[in-house]
């Protein structure tokens, strides 16, 4: 993927995206659609680990990666003649902005966006969750909430009709997720854990009646030796309520599997209702009770999953997000575009 996704032209708006692992597989449809309907320059910056020198530095001093990353962003903008004196309106899209306030992958990110984003001189920050949008506004930054979504190809493919498993799980096992899986095991609930490349993910998801999702924050007993603590999560980890709905929440629904996830406040705004188009648990006891219900009521589970599929198809594709953002920029953000 090229550093510049679309060549810069003399337009009045600059939108900058940061690449993340696998982001080219699900964020690019959003960028392409946005480029079709919005006359703006769009820069898509490759992750810093493409530079051997920076990558070696990160291996030794991982906690400083955001410092280097944002300095690199400033260098990119300066190199393209986009100093603050420019008349361009600048918008920065950040998929992980919530990490400024919550601990999911590590405490080294806490406060980093608030500290370094001013270096970008952005006029607007686009974040993927409502909570961090509200916090950024409180901290004096202009922010907009654009939830994650799903690529239409997930909807266009025929979901697997014959389900092989009751409950499945995929994705990185952060502390709270390790805790949820361990709690299921303790209660003798079988979970089919799998991994699949993105192009085969829809088929693997659809082989399960339901997919367990846990987006909770992690609270470790001690701030060190996290890898060891994740091996004994019921002892060393205490999950706390999550902040954001991730792409996998939409992927699961789009693949016609039941979204079995922890409740997050913004789900109400997104149209997700437990027992109607998904199942949402608020604690481990409820999670276990729901899991047992799922294993004994497959037909009802599939009916709920079908309603979840319709909700995502009607409201939560990347095309929907692109049109919503473009409409906001044109009508509410009052830009000259």
C-alpha atoms as a PDB file:
ATOM      1  CA  UNK A   1       0.000   0.000   0.000  1.00  0.00           C
ATOM      2  CA  UNK A   2       1.399   3.357  -1.003  1.00  0.00           C
ATOM      3  CA  UNK A   3       2.061   6.006   1.633  1.00  0.00           C
ATOM      4  CA  UNK A   4      -0.273   8.364  -0.222  1.00  0.00           C
ATOM      5  CA  UNK A   5      -3.541   6.651  -1.009  1.00  0.00           C
ATOM      6  CA  UNK A   6      -4.759   9.534  -3.186  1.00  0.00           C
ATOM      7  CA  UNK A   7      -2.425  12.169  -4.630  1.00  0.00           C
ATOM      8  CA  UNK A   8      -2.669  15.561  -2.987  1.00  0.00           C
ATOM      9  CA  UNK A   9      -4.435  18.198  -5.051  1.00  0.00           C
ATOM     10  CA  UNK A  10      -5.383  21.814  -4.406  1.00  0.00           C
ATOM     11  CA  UNK A  11      -8.463  21.060  -2.357  1.00  0.00           C
ATOM     12  CA  UNK A  12      -9.530  22.704   0.853  1.00  0.00           C
ATOM     13  CA  UNK A  13      -9.715  19.638   3.097  1.00  0.00           C
ATOM     14  CA  UNK A  14      -7.131  17.085   4.188  1.00  0.00           C
ATOM     15  CA  UNK A  15      -8.175  13.821   5.852  1.00  0.00           C
ATOM     16  CA  UNK A  16      -5.402  11.644   7.278  1.00  0.00           C
ATOM     17  CA  UNK A  17      -5.786   7.953   8.162  1.00  0.00           C
ATOM     18  CA  UNK A  18      -3.265   5.790   9.976  1.00  0.00           C
ATOM     19  CA  UNK A  19      -2.754   2.224   8.844  1.00  0.00           C
ATOM     20  CA  UNK A  20      -3.014  -0.536  11.455  1.00  0.00           C
ATOM     21  CA  UNK A  21      -2.633  -4.294  11.272  1.00  0.00           C
ATOM     22  CA  UNK A  22      -5.228  -5.646   8.808  1.00  0.00           C
ATOM     23  CA  UNK A  23      -6.769  -2.170   8.491  1.00  0.00           C
ATOM     24  CA  UNK A  24      -6.276  -2.273   4.729  1.00  0.00           C
ATOM     25  CA  UNK A  25      -8.770  -5.141   4.718  1.00  0.00           C
ATOM     26  CA  UNK A  26     -11.633  -3.278   6.343  1.00  0.00           C
ATOM     27  CA  UNK A  27     -10.913   0.461   6.414  1.00  0.00           C
ATOM     28  CA  UNK A  28     -10.050   0.878   2.735  1.00  0.00           C
ATOM     29  CA  UNK A  29     -13.697   0.385   1.599  1.00  0.00           C
ATOM     30  CA  UNK A  30     -14.550   3.337   3.841  1.00  0.00           C
ATOM     31  CA  UNK A  31     -11.746   5.475   2.417  1.00  0.00           C
ATOM     32  CA  UNK A  32     -12.673   4.650  -1.177  1.00  0.00           C
ATOM     33  CA  UNK A  33     -16.330   5.487  -0.664  1.00  0.00           C
ATOM     34  CA  UNK A  34     -15.422   8.705   1.160  1.00  0.00           C
ATOM     35  CA  UNK A  35     -13.194   9.692  -1.745  1.00  0.00           C
ATOM     36  CA  UNK A  36     -16.080   9.165  -4.159  1.00  0.00           C
ATOM     37  CA  UNK A  37     -18.476  11.492  -2.372  1.00  0.00           C
ATOM     38  CA  UNK A  38     -16.219  14.056  -0.692  1.00  0.00           C
ATOM     39  CA  UNK A  39     -13.830  16.400  -2.536  1.00  0.00           C
ATOM     40  CA  UNK A  40     -10.930  16.118  -0.118  1.00  0.00           C
ATOM     41  CA  UNK A  41      -7.304  15.071  -0.097  1.00  0.00           C
ATOM     42  CA  UNK A  42      -6.976  11.735   1.680  1.00  0.00           C
ATOM     43  CA  UNK A  43      -3.608  10.560   2.985  1.00  0.00           C
ATOM     44  CA  UNK A  44      -3.246   6.953   4.071  1.00  0.00           C
ATOM     45  CA  UNK A  45      -0.025   6.557   6.035  1.00  0.00           C
ATOM     46  CA  UNK A  46       1.665   3.196   6.367  1.00  0.00           C
ATOM     47  CA  UNK A  47       2.458   1.944   9.830  1.00  0.00           C
ATOM     48  CA  UNK A  48       5.839   2.963  11.224  1.00  0.00           C
ATOM     49  CA  UNK A  49       7.074  -0.626  11.451  1.00  0.00           C
ATOM     50  CA  UNK A  50       7.740  -0.489   7.699  1.00  0.00           C
ATOM     51  CA  UNK A  51      10.867   1.443   8.602  1.00  0.00           C
ATOM     52  CA  UNK A  52      13.578  -0.941   9.844  1.00  0.00           C
ATOM     53  CA  UNK A  53      15.267   1.759  11.875  1.00  0.00           C
ATOM     54  CA  UNK A  54      12.091   2.775  13.678  1.00  0.00           C
ATOM     55  CA  UNK A  55      11.013  -0.836  14.118  1.00  0.00           C
ATOM     56  CA  UNK A  56      14.285  -1.686  15.877  1.00  0.00           C
ATOM     57  CA  UNK A  57      13.791   1.318  18.146  1.00  0.00           C
ATOM     58  CA  UNK A  58      10.258   0.235  18.998  1.00  0.00           C
ATOM     59  CA  UNK A  59      11.453  -3.222  19.986  1.00  0.00           C
ATOM     60  CA  UNK A  60      13.706  -1.629  22.585  1.00  0.00           C
ATOM     61  CA  UNK A  61      11.489   1.249  23.712  1.00  0.00           C
ATOM     62  CA  UNK A  62       7.916   0.283  22.867  1.00  0.00           C
ATOM     63  CA  UNK A  63       6.424   2.846  25.200  1.00  0.00           C
ATOM     64  CA  UNK A  64       7.829   5.691  23.080  1.00  0.00           C
ATOM     65  CA  UNK A  65       6.284   4.512  19.821  1.00  0.00           C
ATOM     66  CA  UNK A  66       3.565   7.152  19.768  1.00  0.00           C
ATOM     67  CA  UNK A  67       6.146   9.900  20.183  1.00  0.00           C
ATOM     68  CA  UNK A  68       8.002   8.707  17.092  1.00  0.00           C
ATOM     69  CA  UNK A  69       4.796   8.058  15.213  1.00  0.00           C
ATOM     70  CA  UNK A  70       3.373  11.524  15.672  1.00  0.00           C
ATOM     71  CA  UNK A  71       6.686  13.199  14.845  1.00  0.00           C
ATOM     72  CA  UNK A  72       6.647  11.179  11.638  1.00  0.00           C
ATOM     73  CA  UNK A  73       3.173  12.485  10.901  1.00  0.00           C
ATOM     74  CA  UNK A  74       4.352  16.069  11.310  1.00  0.00           C
ATOM     75  CA  UNK A  75       7.271  15.311   8.996  1.00  0.00           C
ATOM     76  CA  UNK A  76       4.894  13.911   6.398  1.00  0.00           C
ATOM     77  CA  UNK A  77       2.673  16.973   6.462  1.00  0.00           C
ATOM     78  CA  UNK A  78       5.621  19.372   6.319  1.00  0.00           C
ATOM     79  CA  UNK A  79       7.119  17.433   3.419  1.00  0.00           C
ATOM     80  CA  UNK A  80       3.884  17.904   1.490  1.00  0.00           C
ATOM     81  CA  UNK A  81       3.822  21.636   2.154  1.00  0.00           C
ATOM     82  CA  UNK A  82       0.996  21.481   4.633  1.00  0.00           C
ATOM     83  CA  UNK A  83       2.249  23.790   7.357  1.00  0.00           C
ATOM     84  CA  UNK A  84      -0.217  25.394   9.760  1.00  0.00           C
ATOM     85  CA  UNK A  85      -0.285  28.518   7.579  1.00  0.00           C
ATOM     86  CA  UNK A  86      -1.992  26.425   4.920  1.00  0.00           C
ATOM     87  CA  UNK A  87      -5.670  27.206   4.307  1.00  0.00           C
ATOM     88  CA  UNK A  88      -6.545  23.532   4.352  1.00  0.00           C
ATOM     89  CA  UNK A  89      -8.934  22.148   6.950  1.00  0.00           C
ATOM     90  CA  UNK A  90      -7.280  19.112   8.504  1.00  0.00           C
ATOM     91  CA  UNK A  91      -9.112  16.068   9.803  1.00  0.00           C
ATOM     92  CA  UNK A  92      -7.383  13.183  11.576  1.00  0.00           C
ATOM     93  CA  UNK A  93      -9.034   9.732  11.739  1.00  0.00           C
ATOM     94  CA  UNK A  94      -7.740   7.554  14.582  1.00  0.00           C
ATOM     95  CA  UNK A  95      -9.005   4.007  15.134  1.00  0.00           C
ATOM     96  CA  UNK A  96      -7.429   3.613  18.574  1.00  0.00           C
ATOM     97  CA  UNK A  97      -8.188   6.968  20.158  1.00  0.00           C
ATOM     98  CA  UNK A  98      -9.987   5.266  23.064  1.00  0.00           C
ATOM     99  CA  UNK A  99      -6.603   4.019  24.302  1.00  0.00           C
ATOM    100  CA  UNK A 100      -5.937   7.599  25.381  1.00  0.00           C
ATOM    101  CA  UNK A 101      -8.322   6.946  28.276  1.00  0.00           C
ATOM    102  CA  UNK A 102      -8.649   3.176  28.786  1.00  0.00           C
ATOM    103  CA  UNK A 103      -6.282   0.273  29.349  1.00  0.00           C
ATOM    104  CA  UNK A 104      -6.821  -2.535  26.845  1.00  0.00           C
ATOM    105  CA  UNK A 105      -3.436  -3.260  25.290  1.00  0.00           C
ATOM    106  CA  UNK A 106      -1.174  -1.411  27.726  1.00  0.00           C
ATOM    107  CA  UNK A 107      -0.866   1.630  29.962  1.00  0.00           C
ATOM    108  CA  UNK A 108       1.868   3.158  27.770  1.00  0.00           C
ATOM    109  CA  UNK A 109      -0.831   4.664  25.533  1.00  0.00           C
ATOM    110  CA  UNK A 110      -2.776   6.434  28.285  1.00  0.00           C
ATOM    111  CA  UNK A 111      -2.775  10.181  27.632  1.00  0.00           C
ATOM    112  CA  UNK A 112      -0.675   9.884  24.472  1.00  0.00           C
ATOM    113  CA  UNK A 113      -3.255  11.235  22.028  1.00  0.00           C
ATOM    114  CA  UNK A 114      -4.011  14.258  24.191  1.00  0.00           C
ATOM    115  CA  UNK A 115      -0.298  14.989  24.434  1.00  0.00           C
ATOM    116  CA  UNK A 116       0.745  14.504  20.815  1.00  0.00           C
ATOM    117  CA  UNK A 117      -2.315  15.248  18.679  1.00  0.00           C
ATOM    118  CA  UNK A 118      -1.754  19.018  18.945  1.00  0.00           C
ATOM    119  CA  UNK A 119       1.436  18.462  16.946  1.00  0.00           C
ATOM    120  CA  UNK A 120      -0.748  17.582  13.978  1.00  0.00           C
ATOM    121  CA  UNK A 121      -2.625  20.891  14.148  1.00  0.00           C
ATOM    122  CA  UNK A 122      -5.829  19.057  13.243  1.00  0.00           C
ATOM    123  CA  UNK A 123      -9.156  20.870  13.127  1.00  0.00           C
ATOM    124  CA  UNK A 124     -11.139  17.711  13.841  1.00  0.00           C
ATOM    125  CA  UNK A 125     -10.422  14.304  15.384  1.00  0.00           C
ATOM    126  CA  UNK A 126     -12.593  11.402  14.241  1.00  0.00           C
ATOM    127  CA  UNK A 127     -12.807   8.619  16.801  1.00  0.00           C
ATOM    128  CA  UNK A 128     -14.572   5.246  16.652  1.00  0.00           C
ATOM    129  CA  UNK A 129     -16.291   5.345  20.031  1.00  0.00           C
ATOM    130  CA  UNK A 130     -18.694   7.721  21.724  1.00  0.00           C
ATOM    131  CA  UNK A 131     -17.020   7.727  25.148  1.00  0.00           C
ATOM    132  CA  UNK A 132     -13.644   8.939  23.933  1.00  0.00           C
ATOM    133  CA  UNK A 133     -15.350  11.505  21.665  1.00  0.00           C
ATOM    134  CA  UNK A 134     -17.044  12.943  24.750  1.00  0.00           C
ATOM    135  CA  UNK A 135     -13.789  12.942  26.741  1.00  0.00           C
ATOM    136  CA  UNK A 136     -11.860  14.653  23.944  1.00  0.00           C
ATOM    137  CA  UNK A 137     -14.563  17.339  23.803  1.00  0.00           C
ATOM    138  CA  UNK A 138     -14.202  17.819  27.564  1.00  0.00           C
ATOM    139  CA  UNK A 139     -10.433  18.128  27.102  1.00  0.00           C
ATOM    140  CA  UNK A 140     -10.972  20.974  24.651  1.00  0.00           C
ATOM    141  CA  UNK A 141     -10.513  19.087  21.362  1.00  0.00           C
ATOM    142  CA  UNK A 142     -12.989  19.074  18.487  1.00  0.00           C
ATOM    143  CA  UNK A 143     -14.057  15.466  17.927  1.00  0.00           C
ATOM    144  CA  UNK A 144     -16.647  13.461  15.998  1.00  0.00           C
ATOM    145  CA  UNK A 145     -17.906   9.923  16.583  1.00  0.00           C
ATOM    146  CA  UNK A 146     -17.854   7.649  13.528  1.00  0.00           C
ATOM    147  CA  UNK A 147     -18.408   4.032  14.682  1.00  0.00           C
ATOM    148  CA  UNK A 148     -16.637   1.137  13.053  1.00  0.00           C
ATOM    149  CA  UNK A 149     -18.596  -0.952  10.548  1.00  0.00           C
ATOM    150  CA  UNK A 150     -18.294  -3.905   8.181  1.00  0.00           C
ATOM    151  CA  UNK A 151     -17.353  -4.370   4.545  1.00  0.00           C
ATOM    152  CA  UNK A 152     -20.286  -5.175   2.262  1.00  0.00           C
ATOM    153  CA  UNK A 153     -18.530  -8.350   1.059  1.00  0.00           C
ATOM    154  CA  UNK A 154     -19.449  -9.922   4.402  1.00  0.00           C
ATOM    155  CA  UNK A 155     -23.097  -9.355   3.500  1.00  0.00           C
ATOM    156  CA  UNK A 156     -22.812 -10.400  -0.125  1.00  0.00           C
ATOM    157  CA  UNK A 157     -21.414 -13.833   0.652  1.00  0.00           C
ATOM    158  CA  UNK A 158     -23.854 -16.613   1.528  1.00  0.00           C
ATOM    159  CA  UNK A 159     -23.558 -17.500   5.176  1.00  0.00           C
ATOM    160  CA  UNK A 160     -23.061 -21.125   6.027  1.00  0.00           C
ATOM    161  CA  UNK A 161     -26.461 -22.649   6.711  1.00  0.00           C
ATOM    162  CA  UNK A 162     -25.271 -25.702   8.621  1.00  0.00           C
ATOM    163  CA  UNK A 163     -23.847 -24.643  11.970  1.00  0.00           C
ATOM    164  CA  UNK A 164     -21.095 -26.875  13.372  1.00  0.00           C
ATOM    165  CA  UNK A 165     -20.548 -25.188  16.740  1.00  0.00           C
ATOM    166  CA  UNK A 166     -22.692 -23.521  19.395  1.00  0.00           C
ATOM    167  CA  UNK A 167     -20.304 -20.767  20.484  1.00  0.00           C
ATOM    168  CA  UNK A 168     -17.108 -19.629  18.790  1.00  0.00           C
ATOM    169  CA  UNK A 169     -14.354 -17.140  19.571  1.00  0.00           C
ATOM    170  CA  UNK A 170     -11.670 -15.414  17.487  1.00  0.00           C
ATOM    171  CA  UNK A 171      -9.268 -12.519  17.984  1.00  0.00           C
ATOM    172  CA  UNK A 172      -6.356 -11.486  20.185  1.00  0.00           C
ATOM    173  CA  UNK A 173      -6.634 -12.627  23.798  1.00  0.00           C
ATOM    174  CA  UNK A 174      -6.149  -9.472  25.823  1.00  0.00           C
ATOM    175  CA  UNK A 175      -6.406  -9.793  29.583  1.00  0.00           C
ATOM    176  CA  UNK A 176     -10.181  -9.380  29.889  1.00  0.00           C
ATOM    177  CA  UNK A 177     -10.760 -11.760  26.985  1.00  0.00           C
ATOM    178  CA  UNK A 178      -8.517 -14.366  28.588  1.00  0.00           C
ATOM    179  CA  UNK A 179     -10.554 -13.896  31.748  1.00  0.00           C
ATOM    180  CA  UNK A 180     -13.864 -14.457  29.914  1.00  0.00           C
ATOM    181  CA  UNK A 181     -12.584 -17.627  28.219  1.00  0.00           C
ATOM    182  CA  UNK A 182     -11.203 -18.965  31.502  1.00  0.00           C
ATOM    183  CA  UNK A 183     -14.529 -18.297  33.224  1.00  0.00           C
ATOM    184  CA  UNK A 184     -16.351 -20.223  30.493  1.00  0.00           C
ATOM    185  CA  UNK A 185     -13.958 -23.131  30.891  1.00  0.00           C
ATOM    186  CA  UNK A 186     -14.430 -23.111  34.652  1.00  0.00           C
ATOM    187  CA  UNK A 187     -18.184 -23.476  34.069  1.00  0.00           C
ATOM    188  CA  UNK A 188     -17.723 -26.332  31.562  1.00  0.00           C
ATOM    189  CA  UNK A 189     -18.933 -24.331  28.568  1.00  0.00           C
ATOM    190  CA  UNK A 190     -17.226 -25.345  25.352  1.00  0.00           C
ATOM    191  CA  UNK A 191     -15.936 -22.549  23.132  1.00  0.00           C
ATOM    192  CA  UNK A 192     -14.637 -23.219  19.622  1.00  0.00           C
ATOM    193  CA  UNK A 193     -11.566 -20.964  19.374  1.00  0.00           C
ATOM    194  CA  UNK A 194     -10.344 -20.325  15.840  1.00  0.00           C
ATOM    195  CA  UNK A 195      -8.239 -18.041  13.667  1.00  0.00           C
ATOM    196  CA  UNK A 196      -8.715 -17.348   9.967  1.00  0.00           C
ATOM    197  CA  UNK A 197      -7.380 -14.977   7.310  1.00  0.00           C
ATOM    198  CA  UNK A 198      -9.766 -12.126   6.608  1.00  0.00           C
ATOM    199  CA  UNK A 199     -10.944 -13.524   3.276  1.00  0.00           C
ATOM    200  CA  UNK A 200     -12.070 -16.738   5.035  1.00  0.00           C
ATOM    201  CA  UNK A 201     -13.313 -15.155   8.249  1.00  0.00           C
ATOM    202  CA  UNK A 202     -16.946 -14.813   7.185  1.00  0.00           C
ATOM    203  CA  UNK A 203     -17.234 -18.550   6.526  1.00  0.00           C
ATOM    204  CA  UNK A 204     -15.594 -19.487   9.831  1.00  0.00           C
ATOM    205  CA  UNK A 205     -17.839 -17.133  11.811  1.00  0.00           C
ATOM    206  CA  UNK A 206     -20.964 -18.430  10.122  1.00  0.00           C
ATOM    207  CA  UNK A 207     -20.130 -22.002  11.179  1.00  0.00           C
ATOM    208  CA  UNK A 208     -21.056 -21.005  14.738  1.00  0.00           C
ATOM    209  CA  UNK A 209     -24.512 -20.227  16.091  1.00  0.00           C
ATOM    210  CA  UNK A 210     -22.952 -17.477  18.232  1.00  0.00           C
ATOM    211  CA  UNK A 211     -19.603 -15.730  18.701  1.00  0.00           C
ATOM    212  CA  UNK A 212     -18.376 -14.658  22.141  1.00  0.00           C
ATOM    213  CA  UNK A 213     -17.037 -11.090  22.141  1.00  0.00           C
ATOM    214  CA  UNK A 214     -15.349  -9.322  25.041  1.00  0.00           C
ATOM    215  CA  UNK A 215     -14.274  -5.691  24.634  1.00  0.00           C
ATOM    216  CA  UNK A 216     -13.753  -5.023  28.343  1.00  0.00           C
ATOM    217  CA  UNK A 217     -10.845  -3.098  29.786  1.00  0.00           C
ATOM    218  CA  UNK A 218      -8.061  -4.932  31.629  1.00  0.00           C
ATOM    219  CA  UNK A 219      -7.064  -4.307  35.216  1.00  0.00           C
ATOM    220  CA  UNK A 220      -4.016  -6.390  36.148  1.00  0.00           C
ATOM    221  CA  UNK A 221      -3.133  -7.181  39.746  1.00  0.00           C
ATOM    222  CA  UNK A 222       0.362  -5.784  39.104  1.00  0.00           C
ATOM    223  CA  UNK A 223       1.492  -3.645  36.126  1.00  0.00           C
ATOM    224  CA  UNK A 224       4.357  -6.012  35.199  1.00  0.00           C
ATOM    225  CA  UNK A 225       4.603  -9.589  33.859  1.00  0.00           C
ATOM    226  CA  UNK A 226       1.310  -9.332  31.994  1.00  0.00           C
ATOM    227  CA  UNK A 227       1.989 -12.360  29.826  1.00  0.00           C
ATOM    228  CA  UNK A 228       2.320 -14.551  32.900  1.00  0.00           C
ATOM    229  CA  UNK A 229      -0.798 -13.018  34.461  1.00  0.00           C
ATOM    230  CA  UNK A 230      -2.808 -13.800  31.325  1.00  0.00           C
ATOM    231  CA  UNK A 231      -2.040 -17.489  31.887  1.00  0.00           C
ATOM    232  CA  UNK A 232      -3.889 -17.265  35.214  1.00  0.00           C
ATOM    233  CA  UNK A 233      -6.520 -14.600  34.426  1.00  0.00           C
ATOM    234  CA  UNK A 234      -9.011 -15.577  37.122  1.00  0.00           C
ATOM    235  CA  UNK A 235      -6.365 -14.759  39.732  1.00  0.00           C
ATOM    236  CA  UNK A 236      -4.567 -11.750  38.283  1.00  0.00           C
ATOM    237  CA  UNK A 237      -7.056  -9.931  36.034  1.00  0.00           C
ATOM    238  CA  UNK A 238     -10.189  -7.961  36.809  1.00  0.00           C
ATOM    239  CA  UNK A 239     -12.238  -6.891  33.735  1.00  0.00           C
ATOM    240  CA  UNK A 240     -13.848  -3.462  33.720  1.00  0.00           C
ATOM    241  CA  UNK A 241     -16.607  -2.159  31.407  1.00  0.00           C
ATOM    242  CA  UNK A 242     -15.515  -1.628  27.826  1.00  0.00           C
ATOM    243  CA  UNK A 243     -15.751   1.611  25.884  1.00  0.00           C
ATOM    244  CA  UNK A 244     -16.128   0.802  22.213  1.00  0.00           C
ATOM    245  CA  UNK A 245     -17.889  -1.487  19.775  1.00  0.00           C
ATOM    246  CA  UNK A 246     -15.250  -3.050  17.532  1.00  0.00           C
ATOM    247  CA  UNK A 247     -15.322  -4.187  13.909  1.00  0.00           C
ATOM    248  CA  UNK A 248     -15.843  -7.796  14.996  1.00  0.00           C
ATOM    249  CA  UNK A 249     -19.225  -6.922  16.529  1.00  0.00           C
ATOM    250  CA  UNK A 250     -20.434  -6.017  13.054  1.00  0.00           C
ATOM    251  CA  UNK A 251     -18.564  -8.858  11.335  1.00  0.00           C
ATOM    252  CA  UNK A 252     -20.323 -11.447  13.477  1.00  0.00           C
ATOM    253  CA  UNK A 253     -23.787 -10.073  12.689  1.00  0.00           C
ATOM    254  CA  UNK A 254     -22.956  -9.724   8.994  1.00  0.00           C
ATOM    255  CA  UNK A 255     -21.937 -13.395   8.881  1.00  0.00           C
ATOM    256  CA  UNK A 256     -25.365 -14.373  10.264  1.00  0.00           C
ATOM    257  CA  UNK A 257     -24.048 -15.497  13.634  1.00  0.00           C
ATOM    258  CA  UNK A 258     -25.363 -14.250  16.967  1.00  0.00           C
ATOM    259  CA  UNK A 259     -23.353 -11.415  18.503  1.00  0.00           C
ATOM    260  CA  UNK A 260     -22.859 -12.586  22.122  1.00  0.00           C
ATOM    261  CA  UNK A 261     -21.021  -9.645  23.652  1.00  0.00           C
ATOM    262  CA  UNK A 262     -20.435  -7.511  26.715  1.00  0.00           C
ATOM    263  CA  UNK A 263     -22.786  -4.548  26.971  1.00  0.00           C
ATOM    264  CA  UNK A 264     -21.355  -1.158  26.004  1.00  0.00           C
ATOM    265  CA  UNK A 265     -23.414   1.993  26.394  1.00  0.00           C
ATOM    266  CA  UNK A 266     -23.124   3.153  22.797  1.00  0.00           C
ATOM    267  CA  UNK A 267     -24.830  -0.041  21.601  1.00  0.00           C
ATOM    268  CA  UNK A 268     -28.164   1.584  22.449  1.00  0.00           C
ATOM    269  CA  UNK A 269     -27.476   4.353  19.932  1.00  0.00           C
ATOM    270  CA  UNK A 270     -26.380   1.796  17.338  1.00  0.00           C
ATOM    271  CA  UNK A 271     -29.656  -0.129  17.545  1.00  0.00           C
ATOM    272  CA  UNK A 272     -28.423  -3.258  19.318  1.00  0.00           C
ATOM    273  CA  UNK A 273     -30.952  -4.638  21.822  1.00  0.00           C
ATOM    274  CA  UNK A 274     -30.255  -7.751  23.876  1.00  0.00           C
ATOM    275  CA  UNK A 275     -32.733 -10.538  23.148  1.00  0.00           C
ATOM    276  CA  UNK A 276     -33.887  -8.842  19.952  1.00  0.00           C
ATOM    277  CA  UNK A 277     -30.882  -8.757  17.593  1.00  0.00           C
ATOM    278  CA  UNK A 278     -28.008  -9.833  19.890  1.00  0.00           C
ATOM    279  CA  UNK A 279     -27.290 -11.063  23.423  1.00  0.00           C
ATOM    280  CA  UNK A 280     -25.472  -8.665  25.747  1.00  0.00           C
ATOM    281  CA  UNK A 281     -24.101  -9.650  29.156  1.00  0.00           C
ATOM    282  CA  UNK A 282     -23.146  -7.258  31.958  1.00  0.00           C
ATOM    283  CA  UNK A 283     -21.194  -9.617  34.229  1.00  0.00           C
ATOM    284  CA  UNK A 284     -19.720 -13.114  34.215  1.00  0.00           C
ATOM    285  CA  UNK A 285     -22.765 -14.713  35.834  1.00  0.00           C
ATOM    286  CA  UNK A 286     -25.010 -13.375  33.077  1.00  0.00           C
ATOM    287  CA  UNK A 287     -22.448 -14.415  30.469  1.00  0.00           C
ATOM    288  CA  UNK A 288     -22.538 -18.018  31.690  1.00  0.00           C
ATOM    289  CA  UNK A 289     -26.346 -18.094  31.889  1.00  0.00           C
ATOM    290  CA  UNK A 290     -26.639 -16.773  28.345  1.00  0.00           C
ATOM    291  CA  UNK A 291     -24.063 -19.257  27.070  1.00  0.00           C
ATOM    292  CA  UNK A 292     -26.066 -22.138  28.516  1.00  0.00           C
ATOM    293  CA  UNK A 293     -29.223 -20.777  26.904  1.00  0.00           C
ATOM    294  CA  UNK A 294     -27.443 -20.515  23.541  1.00  0.00           C
ATOM    295  CA  UNK A 295     -26.329 -24.136  23.629  1.00  0.00           C
ATOM    296  CA  UNK A 296     -29.885 -25.385  24.305  1.00  0.00           C
ATOM    297  CA  UNK A 297     -31.882 -23.060  21.996  1.00  0.00           C
ATOM    298  CA  UNK A 298     -30.145 -23.096  18.577  1.00  0.00           C
ATOM    299  CA  UNK A 299     -33.255 -22.229  16.549  1.00  0.00           C
ATOM    300  CA  UNK A 300     -34.076 -19.169  18.661  1.00  0.00           C
ATOM    301  CA  UNK A 301     -30.427 -18.136  18.567  1.00  0.00           C
ATOM    302  CA  UNK A 302     -30.493 -18.200  14.764  1.00  0.00           C
ATOM    303  CA  UNK A 303     -33.663 -16.082  14.711  1.00  0.00           C
ATOM    304  CA  UNK A 304     -31.981 -13.396  16.834  1.00  0.00           C
ATOM    305  CA  UNK A 305     -28.888 -13.607  14.621  1.00  0.00           C
ATOM    306  CA  UNK A 306     -31.032 -12.994  11.527  1.00  0.00           C
ATOM    307  CA  UNK A 307     -32.374  -9.776  13.043  1.00  0.00           C
ATOM    308  CA  UNK A 308     -28.808  -8.728  13.858  1.00  0.00           C
ATOM    309  CA  UNK A 309     -27.863  -9.362  10.238  1.00  0.00           C
ATOM    310  CA  UNK A 310     -30.669  -7.107   9.003  1.00  0.00           C
ATOM    311  CA  UNK A 311     -29.686  -4.314  11.402  1.00  0.00           C
ATOM    312  CA  UNK A 312     -26.070  -4.319  10.207  1.00  0.00           C
ATOM    313  CA  UNK A 313     -27.071  -4.538   6.534  1.00  0.00           C
ATOM    314  CA  UNK A 314     -29.402  -1.555   6.926  1.00  0.00           C
ATOM    315  CA  UNK A 315     -27.239   0.707   9.140  1.00  0.00           C
ATOM    316  CA  UNK A 316     -23.660  -0.416   9.673  1.00  0.00           C
ATOM    317  CA  UNK A 317     -21.613  -0.867   6.492  1.00  0.00           C
ATOM    318  CA  UNK A 318     -18.605   1.302   5.632  1.00  0.00           C
ATOM    319  CA  UNK A 319     -20.735   2.934   2.928  1.00  0.00           C
ATOM    320  CA  UNK A 320     -23.146   4.074   5.640  1.00  0.00           C
ATOM    321  CA  UNK A 321     -20.240   5.517   7.635  1.00  0.00           C
ATOM    322  CA  UNK A 322     -18.794   7.355   4.634  1.00  0.00           C
ATOM    323  CA  UNK A 323     -22.115   9.003   3.793  1.00  0.00           C
ATOM    324  CA  UNK A 324     -22.737   9.964   7.449  1.00  0.00           C
ATOM    325  CA  UNK A 325     -19.286  11.513   7.810  1.00  0.00           C
ATOM    326  CA  UNK A 326     -19.521  13.350   4.492  1.00  0.00           C
ATOM    327  CA  UNK A 327     -22.919  14.743   5.484  1.00  0.00           C
ATOM    328  CA  UNK A 328     -21.557  15.915   8.841  1.00  0.00           C
ATOM    329  CA  UNK A 329     -18.571  17.606   7.222  1.00  0.00           C
ATOM    330  CA  UNK A 330     -20.716  19.367   4.643  1.00  0.00           C
ATOM    331  CA  UNK A 331     -23.592  20.487   6.854  1.00  0.00           C
ATOM    332  CA  UNK A 332     -22.416  20.703  10.472  1.00  0.00           C
ATOM    333  CA  UNK A 333     -18.671  21.172  10.448  1.00  0.00           C
ATOM    334  CA  UNK A 334     -19.098  24.157   8.138  1.00  0.00           C
ATOM    335  CA  UNK A 335     -16.109  23.500   5.917  1.00  0.00           C
ATOM    336  CA  UNK A 336     -15.623  25.000   2.477  1.00  0.00           C
ATOM    337  CA  UNK A 337     -15.387  21.901   0.348  1.00  0.00           C
END
